[in-house]
């Protein structure tokens, strides 16, 4: 009978704590704090309602970007007419205030082109005179909001099935972590 190789793990071996996996616990705790903030459900009074649908207005999204990241860049990649809608794609650039790492988030938004009542959806002879002027910025706002939503629930993203669970923010025995890190070097 063949002997199995020992993995070195025994029943008495302590479980590895996720907090021992980081080299900089202080930084990990700060990142956890930022992620906790970003994944906080926005207050109900931030939402507006349009035709029975609640939404986070673009001014709230922009305010959150400025408040948390202090600055951001928005770059439009393309503007297209697809069927009866204006479609905008773009990239949102933010700098993580904890790590200093730049992050690029892609977004897409579409808004129907307004036509005279009773017109066929592709009858561009019946476009309302200022429809493009109104609908293109609406599509751009949706694209920016779509990109920002990838940051977390505070920006209208996420869903109830995915829940952020901070792993590094809990109290941890620092001496044990330092000892564990020293033994891996």
C-alpha atoms as a PDB file:
ATOM      1  CA  UNK A   1       0.000   0.000   0.000  1.00  0.00           C
ATOM      2  CA  UNK A   2       1.298   3.413  -0.965  1.00  0.00           C
ATOM      3  CA  UNK A   3       1.944   5.991   1.764  1.00  0.00           C
ATOM      4  CA  UNK A   4       0.358   9.412   1.384  1.00  0.00           C
ATOM      5  CA  UNK A   5       2.634  12.408   1.577  1.00  0.00           C
ATOM      6  CA  UNK A   6       2.110  14.637   4.552  1.00  0.00           C
ATOM      7  CA  UNK A   7       0.939  18.156   3.819  1.00  0.00           C
ATOM      8  CA  UNK A   8       2.306  19.336   7.132  1.00  0.00           C
ATOM      9  CA  UNK A   9      -1.194  20.212   8.303  1.00  0.00           C
ATOM     10  CA  UNK A  10      -2.495  18.485  11.365  1.00  0.00           C
ATOM     11  CA  UNK A  11      -5.704  18.776  13.254  1.00  0.00           C
ATOM     12  CA  UNK A  12      -3.932  20.885  15.832  1.00  0.00           C
ATOM     13  CA  UNK A  13      -2.583  23.356  13.230  1.00  0.00           C
ATOM     14  CA  UNK A  14      -4.236  26.762  13.582  1.00  0.00           C
ATOM     15  CA  UNK A  15      -6.533  27.927  10.793  1.00  0.00           C
ATOM     16  CA  UNK A  16      -5.050  30.576   8.561  1.00  0.00           C
ATOM     17  CA  UNK A  17      -6.715  33.906   9.196  1.00  0.00           C
ATOM     18  CA  UNK A  18      -7.275  36.054   6.115  1.00  0.00           C
ATOM     19  CA  UNK A  19      -5.695  38.971   7.971  1.00  0.00           C
ATOM     20  CA  UNK A  20      -2.372  37.116   7.990  1.00  0.00           C
ATOM     21  CA  UNK A  21      -2.298  37.136   4.197  1.00  0.00           C
ATOM     22  CA  UNK A  22      -1.600  40.855   3.874  1.00  0.00           C
ATOM     23  CA  UNK A  23       1.767  42.506   4.239  1.00  0.00           C
ATOM     24  CA  UNK A  24       0.266  45.834   5.310  1.00  0.00           C
ATOM     25  CA  UNK A  25      -2.652  45.337   7.665  1.00  0.00           C
ATOM     26  CA  UNK A  26      -3.074  49.073   8.173  1.00  0.00           C
ATOM     27  CA  UNK A  27      -3.541  49.577   4.429  1.00  0.00           C
ATOM     28  CA  UNK A  28      -5.888  46.584   4.205  1.00  0.00           C
ATOM     29  CA  UNK A  29      -8.032  48.040   6.988  1.00  0.00           C
ATOM     30  CA  UNK A  30      -8.191  51.390   5.179  1.00  0.00           C
ATOM     31  CA  UNK A  31      -9.173  49.682   1.904  1.00  0.00           C
ATOM     32  CA  UNK A  32     -11.846  47.741   3.799  1.00  0.00           C
ATOM     33  CA  UNK A  33     -13.183  51.000   5.214  1.00  0.00           C
ATOM     34  CA  UNK A  34     -13.387  52.547   1.734  1.00  0.00           C
ATOM     35  CA  UNK A  35     -15.077  49.439   0.327  1.00  0.00           C
ATOM     36  CA  UNK A  36     -17.528  49.432   3.234  1.00  0.00           C
ATOM     37  CA  UNK A  37     -18.434  53.043   2.419  1.00  0.00           C
ATOM     38  CA  UNK A  38     -18.760  52.328  -1.322  1.00  0.00           C
ATOM     39  CA  UNK A  39     -21.033  49.361  -0.598  1.00  0.00           C
ATOM     40  CA  UNK A  40     -23.355  51.246   1.720  1.00  0.00           C
ATOM     41  CA  UNK A  41     -26.947  51.500   0.533  1.00  0.00           C
ATOM     42  CA  UNK A  42     -27.701  55.164  -0.306  1.00  0.00           C
ATOM     43  CA  UNK A  43     -30.301  56.911   1.828  1.00  0.00           C
ATOM     44  CA  UNK A  44     -33.831  56.717   0.392  1.00  0.00           C
ATOM     45  CA  UNK A  45     -34.040  60.506   0.142  1.00  0.00           C
ATOM     46  CA  UNK A  46     -31.217  60.519  -2.447  1.00  0.00           C
ATOM     47  CA  UNK A  47     -33.452  58.763  -4.961  1.00  0.00           C
ATOM     48  CA  UNK A  48     -35.885  60.391  -7.350  1.00  0.00           C
ATOM     49  CA  UNK A  49     -38.800  58.730  -9.067  1.00  0.00           C
ATOM     50  CA  UNK A  50     -39.709  58.870 -12.750  1.00  0.00           C
ATOM     51  CA  UNK A  51     -42.776  57.023 -13.994  1.00  0.00           C
ATOM     52  CA  UNK A  52     -42.670  54.615 -11.049  1.00  0.00           C
ATOM     53  CA  UNK A  53     -38.932  53.893 -11.251  1.00  0.00           C
ATOM     54  CA  UNK A  54     -36.553  55.014  -8.513  1.00  0.00           C
ATOM     55  CA  UNK A  55     -33.166  56.222  -9.686  1.00  0.00           C
ATOM     56  CA  UNK A  56     -30.075  57.934  -8.342  1.00  0.00           C
ATOM     57  CA  UNK A  57     -29.764  61.319 -10.097  1.00  0.00           C
ATOM     58  CA  UNK A  58     -26.552  62.192 -11.942  1.00  0.00           C
ATOM     59  CA  UNK A  59     -25.884  65.174  -9.656  1.00  0.00           C
ATOM     60  CA  UNK A  60     -25.783  62.814  -6.649  1.00  0.00           C
ATOM     61  CA  UNK A  61     -23.388  60.466  -8.480  1.00  0.00           C
ATOM     62  CA  UNK A  62     -21.090  63.364  -9.417  1.00  0.00           C
ATOM     63  CA  UNK A  63     -21.248  64.723  -5.871  1.00  0.00           C
ATOM     64  CA  UNK A  64     -20.280  61.313  -4.459  1.00  0.00           C
ATOM     65  CA  UNK A  65     -17.375  61.053  -6.911  1.00  0.00           C
ATOM     66  CA  UNK A  66     -16.036  64.468  -5.875  1.00  0.00           C
ATOM     67  CA  UNK A  67     -16.647  63.864  -2.157  1.00  0.00           C
ATOM     68  CA  UNK A  68     -14.959  60.454  -2.000  1.00  0.00           C
ATOM     69  CA  UNK A  69     -12.300  60.656  -4.715  1.00  0.00           C
ATOM     70  CA  UNK A  70     -11.862  64.481  -4.733  1.00  0.00           C
ATOM     71  CA  UNK A  71     -11.546  64.426  -8.523  1.00  0.00           C
ATOM     72  CA  UNK A  72     -12.467  62.246 -11.467  1.00  0.00           C
ATOM     73  CA  UNK A  73     -12.160  62.240 -15.239  1.00  0.00           C
ATOM     74  CA  UNK A  74     -14.869  61.218 -17.668  1.00  0.00           C
ATOM     75  CA  UNK A  75     -13.897  60.388 -21.241  1.00  0.00           C
ATOM     76  CA  UNK A  76     -16.482  59.725 -23.957  1.00  0.00           C
ATOM     77  CA  UNK A  77     -15.361  56.891 -26.220  1.00  0.00           C
ATOM     78  CA  UNK A  78     -18.217  56.890 -28.727  1.00  0.00           C
ATOM     79  CA  UNK A  79     -21.635  58.286 -29.513  1.00  0.00           C
ATOM     80  CA  UNK A  80     -23.794  56.250 -31.885  1.00  0.00           C
ATOM     81  CA  UNK A  81     -27.358  56.089 -33.067  1.00  0.00           C
ATOM     82  CA  UNK A  82     -28.580  52.524 -32.710  1.00  0.00           C
ATOM     83  CA  UNK A  83     -32.116  51.908 -33.935  1.00  0.00           C
ATOM     84  CA  UNK A  84     -34.024  54.750 -32.262  1.00  0.00           C
ATOM     85  CA  UNK A  85     -31.573  55.485 -29.446  1.00  0.00           C
ATOM     86  CA  UNK A  86     -28.472  57.493 -28.820  1.00  0.00           C
ATOM     87  CA  UNK A  87     -25.837  55.251 -27.279  1.00  0.00           C
ATOM     88  CA  UNK A  88     -22.834  56.674 -25.413  1.00  0.00           C
ATOM     89  CA  UNK A  89     -19.865  54.698 -24.134  1.00  0.00           C
ATOM     90  CA  UNK A  90     -17.142  56.156 -21.978  1.00  0.00           C
ATOM     91  CA  UNK A  91     -14.540  55.629 -19.300  1.00  0.00           C
ATOM     92  CA  UNK A  92     -14.549  56.971 -15.761  1.00  0.00           C
ATOM     93  CA  UNK A  93     -11.123  57.442 -14.170  1.00  0.00           C
ATOM     94  CA  UNK A  94     -10.725  57.733 -10.406  1.00  0.00           C
ATOM     95  CA  UNK A  95      -7.756  57.481  -8.087  1.00  0.00           C
ATOM     96  CA  UNK A  96      -8.229  55.295  -5.035  1.00  0.00           C
ATOM     97  CA  UNK A  97      -7.693  57.676  -2.091  1.00  0.00           C
ATOM     98  CA  UNK A  98      -6.149  54.898   0.000  1.00  0.00           C
ATOM     99  CA  UNK A  99      -3.810  53.144  -2.429  1.00  0.00           C
ATOM    100  CA  UNK A 100      -3.214  55.898  -4.982  1.00  0.00           C
ATOM    101  CA  UNK A 101      -3.960  53.398  -7.766  1.00  0.00           C
ATOM    102  CA  UNK A 102      -5.809  54.752 -10.801  1.00  0.00           C
ATOM    103  CA  UNK A 103      -8.902  52.833 -11.783  1.00  0.00           C
ATOM    104  CA  UNK A 104     -10.722  52.888 -15.128  1.00  0.00           C
ATOM    105  CA  UNK A 105     -14.397  51.946 -15.228  1.00  0.00           C
ATOM    106  CA  UNK A 106     -16.260  51.583 -18.522  1.00  0.00           C
ATOM    107  CA  UNK A 107     -19.864  52.692 -18.832  1.00  0.00           C
ATOM    108  CA  UNK A 108     -22.597  52.579 -21.437  1.00  0.00           C
ATOM    109  CA  UNK A 109     -25.895  54.426 -21.632  1.00  0.00           C
ATOM    110  CA  UNK A 110     -28.676  54.709 -24.199  1.00  0.00           C
ATOM    111  CA  UNK A 111     -31.635  57.045 -24.473  1.00  0.00           C
ATOM    112  CA  UNK A 112     -34.458  56.882 -27.015  1.00  0.00           C
ATOM    113  CA  UNK A 113     -34.642  59.707 -29.547  1.00  0.00           C
ATOM    114  CA  UNK A 114     -37.899  61.584 -29.105  1.00  0.00           C
ATOM    115  CA  UNK A 115     -40.203  61.476 -32.127  1.00  0.00           C
ATOM    116  CA  UNK A 116     -43.539  63.086 -32.843  1.00  0.00           C
ATOM    117  CA  UNK A 117     -46.419  61.165 -31.317  1.00  0.00           C
ATOM    118  CA  UNK A 118     -47.581  58.234 -33.443  1.00  0.00           C
ATOM    119  CA  UNK A 119     -44.353  58.043 -35.490  1.00  0.00           C
ATOM    120  CA  UNK A 120     -42.670  54.753 -36.283  1.00  0.00           C
ATOM    121  CA  UNK A 121     -39.568  54.211 -34.075  1.00  0.00           C
ATOM    122  CA  UNK A 122     -37.183  54.643 -37.021  1.00  0.00           C
ATOM    123  CA  UNK A 123     -38.997  57.507 -38.784  1.00  0.00           C
ATOM    124  CA  UNK A 124     -36.254  60.077 -38.401  1.00  0.00           C
ATOM    125  CA  UNK A 125     -38.263  62.619 -40.416  1.00  0.00           C
ATOM    126  CA  UNK A 126     -40.398  63.021 -37.286  1.00  0.00           C
ATOM    127  CA  UNK A 127     -37.633  63.757 -34.757  1.00  0.00           C
ATOM    128  CA  UNK A 128     -38.684  66.466 -32.313  1.00  0.00           C
ATOM    129  CA  UNK A 129     -36.627  69.590 -33.031  1.00  0.00           C
ATOM    130  CA  UNK A 130     -34.564  69.606 -29.808  1.00  0.00           C
ATOM    131  CA  UNK A 131     -34.580  65.842 -29.194  1.00  0.00           C
ATOM    132  CA  UNK A 132     -30.885  65.228 -29.905  1.00  0.00           C
ATOM    133  CA  UNK A 133     -29.922  68.241 -27.797  1.00  0.00           C
ATOM    134  CA  UNK A 134     -31.808  66.715 -24.828  1.00  0.00           C
ATOM    135  CA  UNK A 135     -31.323  63.001 -25.444  1.00  0.00           C
ATOM    136  CA  UNK A 136     -27.561  62.891 -26.088  1.00  0.00           C
ATOM    137  CA  UNK A 137     -26.707  64.368 -22.652  1.00  0.00           C
ATOM    138  CA  UNK A 138     -29.221  61.972 -21.052  1.00  0.00           C
ATOM    139  CA  UNK A 139     -27.420  59.029 -22.682  1.00  0.00           C
ATOM    140  CA  UNK A 140     -24.074  60.415 -21.494  1.00  0.00           C
ATOM    141  CA  UNK A 141     -25.402  60.732 -17.925  1.00  0.00           C
ATOM    142  CA  UNK A 142     -26.569  57.128 -18.020  1.00  0.00           C
ATOM    143  CA  UNK A 143     -23.141  56.024 -19.261  1.00  0.00           C
ATOM    144  CA  UNK A 144     -21.365  57.886 -16.444  1.00  0.00           C
ATOM    145  CA  UNK A 145     -23.807  56.485 -13.880  1.00  0.00           C
ATOM    146  CA  UNK A 146     -23.278  52.981 -15.299  1.00  0.00           C
ATOM    147  CA  UNK A 147     -19.498  53.317 -14.942  1.00  0.00           C
ATOM    148  CA  UNK A 148     -19.772  54.733 -11.388  1.00  0.00           C
ATOM    149  CA  UNK A 149     -22.217  51.974 -10.377  1.00  0.00           C
ATOM    150  CA  UNK A 150     -19.318  49.521 -10.628  1.00  0.00           C
ATOM    151  CA  UNK A 151     -17.804  51.211  -7.554  1.00  0.00           C
ATOM    152  CA  UNK A 152     -20.581  49.893  -5.322  1.00  0.00           C
ATOM    153  CA  UNK A 153     -24.061  50.385  -3.924  1.00  0.00           C
ATOM    154  CA  UNK A 154     -23.435  54.010  -2.922  1.00  0.00           C
ATOM    155  CA  UNK A 155     -23.347  54.776  -6.652  1.00  0.00           C
ATOM    156  CA  UNK A 156     -26.423  52.730  -7.494  1.00  0.00           C
ATOM    157  CA  UNK A 157     -24.530  49.510  -8.192  1.00  0.00           C
ATOM    158  CA  UNK A 158     -24.511  46.088  -6.711  1.00  0.00           C
ATOM    159  CA  UNK A 159     -27.493  44.019  -5.804  1.00  0.00           C
ATOM    160  CA  UNK A 160     -28.837  42.309  -2.747  1.00  0.00           C
ATOM    161  CA  UNK A 161     -27.272  38.965  -3.705  1.00  0.00           C
ATOM    162  CA  UNK A 162     -23.722  40.315  -3.431  1.00  0.00           C
ATOM    163  CA  UNK A 163     -22.754  41.618  -0.012  1.00  0.00           C
ATOM    164  CA  UNK A 164     -19.375  43.135   0.817  1.00  0.00           C
ATOM    165  CA  UNK A 165     -17.908  41.544   3.927  1.00  0.00           C
ATOM    166  CA  UNK A 166     -14.866  43.384   5.284  1.00  0.00           C
ATOM    167  CA  UNK A 167     -12.175  40.845   6.068  1.00  0.00           C
ATOM    168  CA  UNK A 168      -9.418  43.053   7.442  1.00  0.00           C
ATOM    169  CA  UNK A 169     -11.358  45.554   9.542  1.00  0.00           C
ATOM    170  CA  UNK A 170     -12.061  43.228  12.438  1.00  0.00           C
ATOM    171  CA  UNK A 171      -9.891  43.291  15.499  1.00  0.00           C
ATOM    172  CA  UNK A 172      -6.930  41.035  14.950  1.00  0.00           C
ATOM    173  CA  UNK A 173      -4.003  40.041  17.140  1.00  0.00           C
ATOM    174  CA  UNK A 174      -1.200  42.117  15.596  1.00  0.00           C
ATOM    175  CA  UNK A 175       1.574  40.106  17.255  1.00  0.00           C
ATOM    176  CA  UNK A 176       0.289  36.901  15.650  1.00  0.00           C
ATOM    177  CA  UNK A 177       0.072  38.575  12.246  1.00  0.00           C
ATOM    178  CA  UNK A 178       3.590  39.998  12.495  1.00  0.00           C
ATOM    179  CA  UNK A 179       4.890  36.593  13.551  1.00  0.00           C
ATOM    180  CA  UNK A 180       3.098  34.906  10.670  1.00  0.00           C
ATOM    181  CA  UNK A 181       4.505  37.431   8.195  1.00  0.00           C
ATOM    182  CA  UNK A 182       8.027  37.020   9.561  1.00  0.00           C
ATOM    183  CA  UNK A 183       7.853  33.253   9.105  1.00  0.00           C
ATOM    184  CA  UNK A 184       6.882  33.593   5.411  1.00  0.00           C
ATOM    185  CA  UNK A 185       9.834  35.786   4.480  1.00  0.00           C
END
